[in-house]
């Protein structure tokens, strides 16, 4: 009898863990030589069918992106302007089908002016625990050379280098919903969601990155980042280069640092209100940005004017 009761208790505990919701609070710090240090915050909320990410500082605004029902609805909330945008499955399908990739001339221009020398995203084998979530260490190394289109390439060659590491994970109960939502957002117009991976994949393809490399980058994109430090360095000029007068071109470099810190993780139930429209908010065609009417056949009238609800 005692064994039966013990098994029932363990079973209930395991079921509760399997259904555990997730809240992750993170701090993002950006340091650059011009503006110094800026600090923003991000909160990720996930439950069985829904995902939300709250950016505490975006162009001075607090905004939230909500994906409901694994992509059945997309909700954008702007807490500064007290506005929101809600897209059902019909509008979502229309937006995805109406999204345009790079045309041939844009791809040719990228291929002509940018060369991908290295793109390595490798797991080191090291793991760490973050408030009960096991994360894996990812080493990142990206190296690009570019030609400034408006300048003679021998005068101003550019090199862009990204180095650093991130601790990332899919080892949590609602990881499938999190990953699916990230994939869903990558297919939406980045002008709406600020999610740029779909654009990056087009750029990588234009730089002749293989499908396997793009798929690997896309897979990493669906992981939850818990901590990391990335350095982005832009180098201008190079040793031995001369300008049109024969004068040596001095090398210059500029480095930005991006730091992610995990402040807290909770597996408590996430309330329904976290995924709902706040009372009194006004419906607009794009709560995140004033980018004008979307040019999508059949939807011009719907997007033409903001609507009060």
C-alpha atoms as a PDB file:
ATOM      1  CA  UNK A   1       0.000   0.000   0.000  1.00  0.00           C
ATOM      2  CA  UNK A   2       2.796   2.414   0.922  1.00  0.00           C
ATOM      3  CA  UNK A   3       4.576   1.640  -2.352  1.00  0.00           C
ATOM      4  CA  UNK A   4       1.392   2.370  -4.328  1.00  0.00           C
ATOM      5  CA  UNK A   5       0.910   5.710  -2.568  1.00  0.00           C
ATOM      6  CA  UNK A   6       4.564   6.596  -3.134  1.00  0.00           C
ATOM      7  CA  UNK A   7       4.261   5.794  -6.837  1.00  0.00           C
ATOM      8  CA  UNK A   8       1.134   7.941  -7.101  1.00  0.00           C
ATOM      9  CA  UNK A   9       2.888  10.886  -5.421  1.00  0.00           C
ATOM     10  CA  UNK A  10       5.902  10.564  -7.701  1.00  0.00           C
ATOM     11  CA  UNK A  11       3.593  10.346 -10.739  1.00  0.00           C
ATOM     12  CA  UNK A  12       1.747  13.516  -9.756  1.00  0.00           C
ATOM     13  CA  UNK A  13       5.043  15.341  -9.207  1.00  0.00           C
ATOM     14  CA  UNK A  14       6.343  14.240 -12.607  1.00  0.00           C
ATOM     15  CA  UNK A  15       3.130  15.365 -14.329  1.00  0.00           C
ATOM     16  CA  UNK A  16       3.332  18.744 -12.618  1.00  0.00           C
ATOM     17  CA  UNK A  17       6.936  19.127 -13.744  1.00  0.00           C
ATOM     18  CA  UNK A  18       6.053  18.167 -17.319  1.00  0.00           C
ATOM     19  CA  UNK A  19       3.403  20.884 -17.419  1.00  0.00           C
ATOM     20  CA  UNK A  20       5.528  23.506 -15.634  1.00  0.00           C
ATOM     21  CA  UNK A  21       5.312  27.003 -17.068  1.00  0.00           C
ATOM     22  CA  UNK A  22       8.443  29.129 -17.468  1.00  0.00           C
ATOM     23  CA  UNK A  23       9.356  32.739 -16.668  1.00  0.00           C
ATOM     24  CA  UNK A  24      12.897  33.968 -17.357  1.00  0.00           C
ATOM     25  CA  UNK A  25      14.085  37.453 -16.401  1.00  0.00           C
ATOM     26  CA  UNK A  26      17.229  38.659 -18.185  1.00  0.00           C
ATOM     27  CA  UNK A  27      19.355  41.788 -18.329  1.00  0.00           C
ATOM     28  CA  UNK A  28      20.956  42.939 -21.593  1.00  0.00           C
ATOM     29  CA  UNK A  29      23.939  45.295 -21.369  1.00  0.00           C
ATOM     30  CA  UNK A  30      25.443  46.956 -24.455  1.00  0.00           C
ATOM     31  CA  UNK A  31      28.734  48.809 -24.201  1.00  0.00           C
ATOM     32  CA  UNK A  32      30.257  50.839 -27.035  1.00  0.00           C
ATOM     33  CA  UNK A  33      32.935  53.567 -27.225  1.00  0.00           C
ATOM     34  CA  UNK A  34      30.469  56.278 -28.310  1.00  0.00           C
ATOM     35  CA  UNK A  35      27.396  56.041 -26.082  1.00  0.00           C
ATOM     36  CA  UNK A  36      28.953  54.084 -23.236  1.00  0.00           C
ATOM     37  CA  UNK A  37      26.793  51.512 -21.449  1.00  0.00           C
ATOM     38  CA  UNK A  38      23.055  50.956 -21.869  1.00  0.00           C
ATOM     39  CA  UNK A  39      21.060  48.424 -19.852  1.00  0.00           C
ATOM     40  CA  UNK A  40      17.695  46.912 -20.798  1.00  0.00           C
ATOM     41  CA  UNK A  41      15.615  44.023 -19.500  1.00  0.00           C
ATOM     42  CA  UNK A  42      13.794  41.135 -21.107  1.00  0.00           C
ATOM     43  CA  UNK A  43      11.200  38.741 -19.708  1.00  0.00           C
ATOM     44  CA  UNK A  44      10.324  35.467 -21.453  1.00  0.00           C
ATOM     45  CA  UNK A  45       7.043  33.748 -20.558  1.00  0.00           C
ATOM     46  CA  UNK A  46       6.084  30.314 -21.858  1.00  0.00           C
ATOM     47  CA  UNK A  47       3.296  27.870 -21.117  1.00  0.00           C
ATOM     48  CA  UNK A  48       1.985  24.789 -22.914  1.00  0.00           C
ATOM     49  CA  UNK A  49       0.559  26.602 -25.982  1.00  0.00           C
ATOM     50  CA  UNK A  50       1.614  30.245 -25.627  1.00  0.00           C
ATOM     51  CA  UNK A  51       4.797  32.315 -25.700  1.00  0.00           C
ATOM     52  CA  UNK A  52       5.544  35.935 -24.851  1.00  0.00           C
ATOM     53  CA  UNK A  53       8.649  38.079 -24.655  1.00  0.00           C
ATOM     54  CA  UNK A  54       8.594  41.447 -22.935  1.00  0.00           C
ATOM     55  CA  UNK A  55      11.317  43.970 -23.833  1.00  0.00           C
ATOM     56  CA  UNK A  56      11.597  46.581 -21.119  1.00  0.00           C
ATOM     57  CA  UNK A  57      13.492  48.996 -23.338  1.00  0.00           C
ATOM     58  CA  UNK A  58      13.011  49.258 -27.094  1.00  0.00           C
ATOM     59  CA  UNK A  59      13.586  52.745 -28.510  1.00  0.00           C
ATOM     60  CA  UNK A  60      12.445  53.992 -25.122  1.00  0.00           C
ATOM     61  CA  UNK A  61       9.316  51.810 -25.246  1.00  0.00           C
ATOM     62  CA  UNK A  62       8.157  48.792 -23.319  1.00  0.00           C
ATOM     63  CA  UNK A  63       6.728  46.246 -25.761  1.00  0.00           C
ATOM     64  CA  UNK A  64       5.550  42.647 -25.707  1.00  0.00           C
ATOM     65  CA  UNK A  65       5.299  40.020 -28.459  1.00  0.00           C
ATOM     66  CA  UNK A  66       2.793  37.204 -27.868  1.00  0.00           C
ATOM     67  CA  UNK A  67       2.413  34.024 -29.939  1.00  0.00           C
ATOM     68  CA  UNK A  68      -0.769  32.163 -28.999  1.00  0.00           C
ATOM     69  CA  UNK A  69      -1.772  28.610 -29.835  1.00  0.00           C
ATOM     70  CA  UNK A  70       1.539  27.761 -31.547  1.00  0.00           C
ATOM     71  CA  UNK A  71       0.971  30.496 -34.132  1.00  0.00           C
ATOM     72  CA  UNK A  72      -2.803  30.795 -34.381  1.00  0.00           C
ATOM     73  CA  UNK A  73      -2.605  34.406 -33.187  1.00  0.00           C
ATOM     74  CA  UNK A  74       0.130  37.037 -33.045  1.00  0.00           C
ATOM     75  CA  UNK A  75      -0.298  39.893 -30.561  1.00  0.00           C
ATOM     76  CA  UNK A  76       1.950  42.966 -30.392  1.00  0.00           C
ATOM     77  CA  UNK A  77       1.549  45.231 -27.347  1.00  0.00           C
ATOM     78  CA  UNK A  78       3.079  48.686 -26.857  1.00  0.00           C
ATOM     79  CA  UNK A  79       2.805  49.756 -23.215  1.00  0.00           C
ATOM     80  CA  UNK A  80       4.111  53.272 -23.837  1.00  0.00           C
ATOM     81  CA  UNK A  81       1.585  54.165 -26.545  1.00  0.00           C
ATOM     82  CA  UNK A  82      -1.189  51.995 -25.000  1.00  0.00           C
ATOM     83  CA  UNK A  83      -1.735  50.293 -28.356  1.00  0.00           C
ATOM     84  CA  UNK A  84      -1.847  46.743 -29.677  1.00  0.00           C
ATOM     85  CA  UNK A  85      -2.048  44.792 -32.945  1.00  0.00           C
ATOM     86  CA  UNK A  86      -3.763  41.419 -33.207  1.00  0.00           C
ATOM     87  CA  UNK A  87      -3.324  39.099 -36.205  1.00  0.00           C
ATOM     88  CA  UNK A  88      -5.429  35.969 -36.653  1.00  0.00           C
ATOM     89  CA  UNK A  89      -4.452  32.921 -38.713  1.00  0.00           C
ATOM     90  CA  UNK A  90      -5.799  34.457 -41.949  1.00  0.00           C
ATOM     91  CA  UNK A  91      -3.778  37.643 -41.582  1.00  0.00           C
ATOM     92  CA  UNK A  92      -0.730  35.683 -40.445  1.00  0.00           C
ATOM     93  CA  UNK A  93      -0.882  33.448 -43.544  1.00  0.00           C
ATOM     94  CA  UNK A  94      -1.275  36.550 -45.708  1.00  0.00           C
ATOM     95  CA  UNK A  95       1.700  38.255 -44.093  1.00  0.00           C
ATOM     96  CA  UNK A  96       3.920  35.198 -44.468  1.00  0.00           C
ATOM     97  CA  UNK A  97       2.916  34.621 -48.102  1.00  0.00           C
ATOM     98  CA  UNK A  98       3.317  38.335 -48.857  1.00  0.00           C
ATOM     99  CA  UNK A  99       6.755  38.539 -47.350  1.00  0.00           C
ATOM    100  CA  UNK A 100       9.376  39.130 -50.013  1.00  0.00           C
ATOM    101  CA  UNK A 101      12.879  37.765 -49.856  1.00  0.00           C
ATOM    102  CA  UNK A 102      15.913  39.354 -51.439  1.00  0.00           C
ATOM    103  CA  UNK A 103      15.654  39.790 -55.182  1.00  0.00           C
ATOM    104  CA  UNK A 104      18.433  38.813 -57.586  1.00  0.00           C
ATOM    105  CA  UNK A 105      20.031  42.276 -57.678  1.00  0.00           C
ATOM    106  CA  UNK A 106      20.133  42.498 -53.866  1.00  0.00           C
ATOM    107  CA  UNK A 107      21.670  39.041 -53.593  1.00  0.00           C
ATOM    108  CA  UNK A 108      24.246  39.905 -56.250  1.00  0.00           C
ATOM    109  CA  UNK A 109      25.123  43.124 -54.411  1.00  0.00           C
ATOM    110  CA  UNK A 110      25.667  41.261 -51.141  1.00  0.00           C
ATOM    111  CA  UNK A 111      27.733  38.611 -52.878  1.00  0.00           C
ATOM    112  CA  UNK A 112      29.832  41.333 -54.532  1.00  0.00           C
ATOM    113  CA  UNK A 113      30.476  43.426 -51.433  1.00  0.00           C
ATOM    114  CA  UNK A 114      30.531  40.928 -48.541  1.00  0.00           C
ATOM    115  CA  UNK A 115      32.569  37.776 -48.111  1.00  0.00           C
ATOM    116  CA  UNK A 116      31.892  35.290 -45.341  1.00  0.00           C
ATOM    117  CA  UNK A 117      35.276  34.032 -44.178  1.00  0.00           C
ATOM    118  CA  UNK A 118      34.170  32.105 -41.101  1.00  0.00           C
ATOM    119  CA  UNK A 119      30.933  31.186 -39.347  1.00  0.00           C
ATOM    120  CA  UNK A 120      31.402  28.730 -36.506  1.00  0.00           C
ATOM    121  CA  UNK A 121      28.853  27.919 -33.814  1.00  0.00           C
ATOM    122  CA  UNK A 122      30.298  25.064 -31.795  1.00  0.00           C
ATOM    123  CA  UNK A 123      29.289  23.498 -28.504  1.00  0.00           C
ATOM    124  CA  UNK A 124      32.260  23.219 -26.152  1.00  0.00           C
ATOM    125  CA  UNK A 125      30.911  20.270 -24.159  1.00  0.00           C
ATOM    126  CA  UNK A 126      30.673  22.344 -20.980  1.00  0.00           C
ATOM    127  CA  UNK A 127      27.363  22.630 -19.098  1.00  0.00           C
ATOM    128  CA  UNK A 128      26.063  24.865 -16.309  1.00  0.00           C
ATOM    129  CA  UNK A 129      22.978  24.981 -14.130  1.00  0.00           C
ATOM    130  CA  UNK A 130      20.814  28.117 -14.194  1.00  0.00           C
ATOM    131  CA  UNK A 131      18.119  27.957 -11.510  1.00  0.00           C
ATOM    132  CA  UNK A 132      17.340  24.349 -12.386  1.00  0.00           C
ATOM    133  CA  UNK A 133      17.873  24.535 -16.165  1.00  0.00           C
ATOM    134  CA  UNK A 134      20.940  22.871 -17.658  1.00  0.00           C
ATOM    135  CA  UNK A 135      22.573  25.010 -20.339  1.00  0.00           C
ATOM    136  CA  UNK A 136      25.272  24.208 -22.880  1.00  0.00           C
ATOM    137  CA  UNK A 137      28.131  26.536 -23.752  1.00  0.00           C
ATOM    138  CA  UNK A 138      28.217  27.704 -27.375  1.00  0.00           C
ATOM    139  CA  UNK A 139      31.388  29.226 -28.819  1.00  0.00           C
ATOM    140  CA  UNK A 140      30.708  31.809 -31.543  1.00  0.00           C
ATOM    141  CA  UNK A 141      33.141  32.961 -34.215  1.00  0.00           C
ATOM    142  CA  UNK A 142      32.131  35.032 -37.256  1.00  0.00           C
ATOM    143  CA  UNK A 143      34.484  36.810 -39.659  1.00  0.00           C
ATOM    144  CA  UNK A 144      33.387  38.949 -42.628  1.00  0.00           C
ATOM    145  CA  UNK A 145      35.239  41.182 -45.050  1.00  0.00           C
ATOM    146  CA  UNK A 146      33.342  43.900 -46.841  1.00  0.00           C
ATOM    147  CA  UNK A 147      33.840  46.498 -49.530  1.00  0.00           C
ATOM    148  CA  UNK A 148      32.250  49.864 -48.873  1.00  0.00           C
ATOM    149  CA  UNK A 149      30.087  50.418 -52.007  1.00  0.00           C
ATOM    150  CA  UNK A 150      30.744  54.169 -52.121  1.00  0.00           C
ATOM    151  CA  UNK A 151      34.511  53.948 -51.659  1.00  0.00           C
ATOM    152  CA  UNK A 152      37.370  52.375 -53.524  1.00  0.00           C
ATOM    153  CA  UNK A 153      37.893  48.984 -51.876  1.00  0.00           C
ATOM    154  CA  UNK A 154      41.662  49.577 -51.710  1.00  0.00           C
ATOM    155  CA  UNK A 155      41.074  52.753 -49.698  1.00  0.00           C
ATOM    156  CA  UNK A 156      38.591  51.508 -47.145  1.00  0.00           C
ATOM    157  CA  UNK A 157      38.374  47.758 -46.694  1.00  0.00           C
ATOM    158  CA  UNK A 158      36.178  46.644 -43.802  1.00  0.00           C
ATOM    159  CA  UNK A 159      36.391  43.628 -41.543  1.00  0.00           C
ATOM    160  CA  UNK A 160      33.627  42.586 -39.161  1.00  0.00           C
ATOM    161  CA  UNK A 161      34.471  40.106 -36.426  1.00  0.00           C
ATOM    162  CA  UNK A 162      32.141  38.591 -33.827  1.00  0.00           C
ATOM    163  CA  UNK A 163      33.606  36.568 -30.980  1.00  0.00           C
ATOM    164  CA  UNK A 164      32.216  35.240 -27.742  1.00  0.00           C
ATOM    165  CA  UNK A 165      30.184  32.579 -26.038  1.00  0.00           C
ATOM    166  CA  UNK A 166      26.603  31.976 -24.920  1.00  0.00           C
ATOM    167  CA  UNK A 167      24.996  29.549 -22.508  1.00  0.00           C
ATOM    168  CA  UNK A 168      21.863  28.224 -24.228  1.00  0.00           C
ATOM    169  CA  UNK A 169      19.288  25.556 -23.487  1.00  0.00           C
ATOM    170  CA  UNK A 170      16.296  23.577 -24.664  1.00  0.00           C
ATOM    171  CA  UNK A 171      16.317  21.518 -21.464  1.00  0.00           C
ATOM    172  CA  UNK A 172      13.094  22.789 -19.869  1.00  0.00           C
ATOM    173  CA  UNK A 173       9.476  21.545 -19.820  1.00  0.00           C
ATOM    174  CA  UNK A 174       7.980  23.956 -22.402  1.00  0.00           C
ATOM    175  CA  UNK A 175      10.985  23.995 -24.757  1.00  0.00           C
ATOM    176  CA  UNK A 176       8.890  22.762 -27.718  1.00  0.00           C
ATOM    177  CA  UNK A 177       6.542  25.751 -27.445  1.00  0.00           C
ATOM    178  CA  UNK A 178       9.475  28.144 -27.066  1.00  0.00           C
ATOM    179  CA  UNK A 179      11.327  26.745 -30.096  1.00  0.00           C
ATOM    180  CA  UNK A 180       8.179  26.589 -32.251  1.00  0.00           C
ATOM    181  CA  UNK A 181       7.360  30.211 -31.427  1.00  0.00           C
ATOM    182  CA  UNK A 182      10.852  31.360 -32.355  1.00  0.00           C
ATOM    183  CA  UNK A 183      10.576  29.548 -35.676  1.00  0.00           C
ATOM    184  CA  UNK A 184       7.140  31.055 -36.264  1.00  0.00           C
ATOM    185  CA  UNK A 185       8.409  34.613 -35.630  1.00  0.00           C
ATOM    186  CA  UNK A 186      11.316  34.144 -38.026  1.00  0.00           C
ATOM    187  CA  UNK A 187       8.798  33.713 -40.845  1.00  0.00           C
ATOM    188  CA  UNK A 188       7.044  36.997 -40.148  1.00  0.00           C
ATOM    189  CA  UNK A 189       8.065  40.397 -41.627  1.00  0.00           C
ATOM    190  CA  UNK A 190      10.881  41.703 -39.417  1.00  0.00           C
ATOM    191  CA  UNK A 191       9.487  45.240 -39.768  1.00  0.00           C
ATOM    192  CA  UNK A 192       6.614  44.061 -37.582  1.00  0.00           C
ATOM    193  CA  UNK A 193       8.170  41.752 -35.022  1.00  0.00           C
ATOM    194  CA  UNK A 194      11.789  43.007 -34.912  1.00  0.00           C
ATOM    195  CA  UNK A 195      12.753  39.363 -35.314  1.00  0.00           C
ATOM    196  CA  UNK A 196      15.520  39.425 -37.910  1.00  0.00           C
ATOM    197  CA  UNK A 197      16.576  35.811 -38.357  1.00  0.00           C
ATOM    198  CA  UNK A 198      14.518  35.346 -41.516  1.00  0.00           C
ATOM    199  CA  UNK A 199      16.391  38.290 -43.034  1.00  0.00           C
ATOM    200  CA  UNK A 200      19.748  36.976 -41.817  1.00  0.00           C
ATOM    201  CA  UNK A 201      19.125  33.596 -43.427  1.00  0.00           C
ATOM    202  CA  UNK A 202      18.575  35.331 -46.789  1.00  0.00           C
ATOM    203  CA  UNK A 203      21.793  37.284 -46.342  1.00  0.00           C
ATOM    204  CA  UNK A 204      23.731  34.142 -45.410  1.00  0.00           C
ATOM    205  CA  UNK A 205      22.397  32.400 -48.498  1.00  0.00           C
ATOM    206  CA  UNK A 206      23.500  35.359 -50.626  1.00  0.00           C
ATOM    207  CA  UNK A 207      26.998  34.979 -49.161  1.00  0.00           C
ATOM    208  CA  UNK A 208      26.992  31.367 -50.405  1.00  0.00           C
ATOM    209  CA  UNK A 209      26.578  29.799 -46.969  1.00  0.00           C
ATOM    210  CA  UNK A 210      25.535  26.176 -47.370  1.00  0.00           C
ATOM    211  CA  UNK A 211      22.075  24.927 -46.442  1.00  0.00           C
ATOM    212  CA  UNK A 212      23.605  22.839 -43.654  1.00  0.00           C
ATOM    213  CA  UNK A 213      25.248  25.945 -42.137  1.00  0.00           C
ATOM    214  CA  UNK A 214      21.994  27.942 -42.373  1.00  0.00           C
ATOM    215  CA  UNK A 215      20.037  25.040 -40.839  1.00  0.00           C
ATOM    216  CA  UNK A 216      22.572  24.846 -37.986  1.00  0.00           C
ATOM    217  CA  UNK A 217      22.301  28.587 -37.330  1.00  0.00           C
ATOM    218  CA  UNK A 218      18.502  28.313 -37.449  1.00  0.00           C
ATOM    219  CA  UNK A 219      18.567  25.441 -34.938  1.00  0.00           C
ATOM    220  CA  UNK A 220      20.750  27.466 -32.540  1.00  0.00           C
ATOM    221  CA  UNK A 221      18.335  30.373 -32.949  1.00  0.00           C
ATOM    222  CA  UNK A 222      15.560  28.292 -31.346  1.00  0.00           C
ATOM    223  CA  UNK A 223      17.516  27.791 -28.100  1.00  0.00           C
ATOM    224  CA  UNK A 224      16.871  29.926 -25.016  1.00  0.00           C
ATOM    225  CA  UNK A 225      19.861  32.193 -24.289  1.00  0.00           C
ATOM    226  CA  UNK A 226      20.512  32.432 -20.545  1.00  0.00           C
ATOM    227  CA  UNK A 227      23.903  34.118 -20.401  1.00  0.00           C
ATOM    228  CA  UNK A 228      26.559  35.306 -22.802  1.00  0.00           C
ATOM    229  CA  UNK A 229      29.200  37.797 -23.836  1.00  0.00           C
ATOM    230  CA  UNK A 230      29.653  38.781 -27.472  1.00  0.00           C
ATOM    231  CA  UNK A 231      32.183  41.242 -28.910  1.00  0.00           C
ATOM    232  CA  UNK A 232      31.503  42.831 -32.281  1.00  0.00           C
ATOM    233  CA  UNK A 233      34.555  44.538 -33.799  1.00  0.00           C
ATOM    234  CA  UNK A 234      34.587  46.597 -36.990  1.00  0.00           C
ATOM    235  CA  UNK A 235      38.040  47.199 -38.455  1.00  0.00           C
ATOM    236  CA  UNK A 236      38.556  49.877 -41.114  1.00  0.00           C
ATOM    237  CA  UNK A 237      41.729  50.152 -43.119  1.00  0.00           C
ATOM    238  CA  UNK A 238      44.512  47.605 -43.160  1.00  0.00           C
ATOM    239  CA  UNK A 239      48.272  47.429 -42.837  1.00  0.00           C
ATOM    240  CA  UNK A 240      50.000  48.286 -46.130  1.00  0.00           C
ATOM    241  CA  UNK A 241      46.980  50.015 -47.687  1.00  0.00           C
ATOM    242  CA  UNK A 242      47.428  53.431 -49.332  1.00  0.00           C
ATOM    243  CA  UNK A 243      45.002  56.100 -50.482  1.00  0.00           C
ATOM    244  CA  UNK A 244      44.907  57.657 -53.980  1.00  0.00           C
ATOM    245  CA  UNK A 245      47.743  60.015 -53.022  1.00  0.00           C
ATOM    246  CA  UNK A 246      49.917  57.160 -51.877  1.00  0.00           C
ATOM    247  CA  UNK A 247      49.515  58.015 -48.208  1.00  0.00           C
ATOM    248  CA  UNK A 248      49.160  55.100 -45.795  1.00  0.00           C
ATOM    249  CA  UNK A 249      45.661  54.464 -44.516  1.00  0.00           C
ATOM    250  CA  UNK A 250      45.617  54.177 -40.714  1.00  0.00           C
ATOM    251  CA  UNK A 251      43.813  51.163 -39.327  1.00  0.00           C
ATOM    252  CA  UNK A 252      40.866  51.913 -37.056  1.00  0.00           C
ATOM    253  CA  UNK A 253      38.737  49.589 -34.967  1.00  0.00           C
ATOM    254  CA  UNK A 254      35.510  49.932 -33.027  1.00  0.00           C
ATOM    255  CA  UNK A 255      34.213  47.289 -30.621  1.00  0.00           C
ATOM    256  CA  UNK A 256      30.793  46.789 -29.036  1.00  0.00           C
ATOM    257  CA  UNK A 257      30.139  44.338 -26.216  1.00  0.00           C
ATOM    258  CA  UNK A 258      26.789  42.591 -25.736  1.00  0.00           C
ATOM    259  CA  UNK A 259      26.240  40.910 -22.372  1.00  0.00           C
ATOM    260  CA  UNK A 260      23.270  38.769 -21.344  1.00  0.00           C
ATOM    261  CA  UNK A 261      22.702  37.928 -17.679  1.00  0.00           C
ATOM    262  CA  UNK A 262      20.026  35.631 -16.283  1.00  0.00           C
ATOM    263  CA  UNK A 263      18.439  37.316 -13.245  1.00  0.00           C
ATOM    264  CA  UNK A 264      15.830  34.715 -12.299  1.00  0.00           C
ATOM    265  CA  UNK A 265      13.943  31.645 -13.538  1.00  0.00           C
ATOM    266  CA  UNK A 266      10.533  30.530 -12.274  1.00  0.00           C
ATOM    267  CA  UNK A 267       8.471  27.436 -13.077  1.00  0.00           C
ATOM    268  CA  UNK A 268       5.318  28.829 -11.451  1.00  0.00           C
ATOM    269  CA  UNK A 269       2.061  29.049 -13.396  1.00  0.00           C
ATOM    270  CA  UNK A 270       1.977  32.016 -15.794  1.00  0.00           C
ATOM    271  CA  UNK A 271      -1.325  33.883 -15.521  1.00  0.00           C
ATOM    272  CA  UNK A 272      -3.667  34.158 -18.522  1.00  0.00           C
ATOM    273  CA  UNK A 273      -3.487  37.966 -18.397  1.00  0.00           C
ATOM    274  CA  UNK A 274       0.168  37.845 -19.463  1.00  0.00           C
ATOM    275  CA  UNK A 275      -1.016  36.748 -22.931  1.00  0.00           C
ATOM    276  CA  UNK A 276      -4.059  39.000 -23.214  1.00  0.00           C
ATOM    277  CA  UNK A 277      -4.784  42.545 -24.461  1.00  0.00           C
ATOM    278  CA  UNK A 278      -4.616  45.051 -21.574  1.00  0.00           C
ATOM    279  CA  UNK A 279      -7.897  46.810 -20.865  1.00  0.00           C
ATOM    280  CA  UNK A 280      -8.247  50.215 -22.519  1.00  0.00           C
ATOM    281  CA  UNK A 281      -5.525  49.731 -25.155  1.00  0.00           C
ATOM    282  CA  UNK A 282      -6.235  50.952 -28.704  1.00  0.00           C
ATOM    283  CA  UNK A 283      -5.958  48.685 -31.747  1.00  0.00           C
ATOM    284  CA  UNK A 284      -3.582  49.871 -34.510  1.00  0.00           C
ATOM    285  CA  UNK A 285      -2.141  48.275 -37.656  1.00  0.00           C
ATOM    286  CA  UNK A 286       1.378  48.028 -36.160  1.00  0.00           C
ATOM    287  CA  UNK A 287       1.906  48.701 -32.468  1.00  0.00           C
ATOM    288  CA  UNK A 288       5.695  48.556 -32.735  1.00  0.00           C
ATOM    289  CA  UNK A 289       6.488  50.970 -35.534  1.00  0.00           C
ATOM    290  CA  UNK A 290       4.981  53.688 -37.724  1.00  0.00           C
ATOM    291  CA  UNK A 291       5.956  52.056 -41.020  1.00  0.00           C
ATOM    292  CA  UNK A 292       2.872  52.886 -43.088  1.00  0.00           C
ATOM    293  CA  UNK A 293       0.426  50.639 -44.847  1.00  0.00           C
ATOM    294  CA  UNK A 294       1.442  47.064 -45.611  1.00  0.00           C
ATOM    295  CA  UNK A 295       1.441  46.373 -49.330  1.00  0.00           C
ATOM    296  CA  UNK A 296      -0.249  42.986 -49.362  1.00  0.00           C
ATOM    297  CA  UNK A 297      -2.858  42.173 -52.010  1.00  0.00           C
ATOM    298  CA  UNK A 298      -6.351  42.078 -50.561  1.00  0.00           C
ATOM    299  CA  UNK A 299      -5.383  43.596 -47.213  1.00  0.00           C
ATOM    300  CA  UNK A 300      -4.816  47.239 -48.148  1.00  0.00           C
ATOM    301  CA  UNK A 301      -8.149  48.363 -46.704  1.00  0.00           C
ATOM    302  CA  UNK A 302      -7.651  46.435 -43.461  1.00  0.00           C
ATOM    303  CA  UNK A 303      -4.261  48.049 -42.858  1.00  0.00           C
ATOM    304  CA  UNK A 304      -5.166  51.489 -44.204  1.00  0.00           C
ATOM    305  CA  UNK A 305      -6.321  53.066 -40.957  1.00  0.00           C
ATOM    306  CA  UNK A 306      -5.863  52.470 -37.253  1.00  0.00           C
ATOM    307  CA  UNK A 307      -9.062  51.262 -35.667  1.00  0.00           C
ATOM    308  CA  UNK A 308     -10.393  51.870 -32.168  1.00  0.00           C
ATOM    309  CA  UNK A 309     -11.813  48.826 -30.413  1.00  0.00           C
END
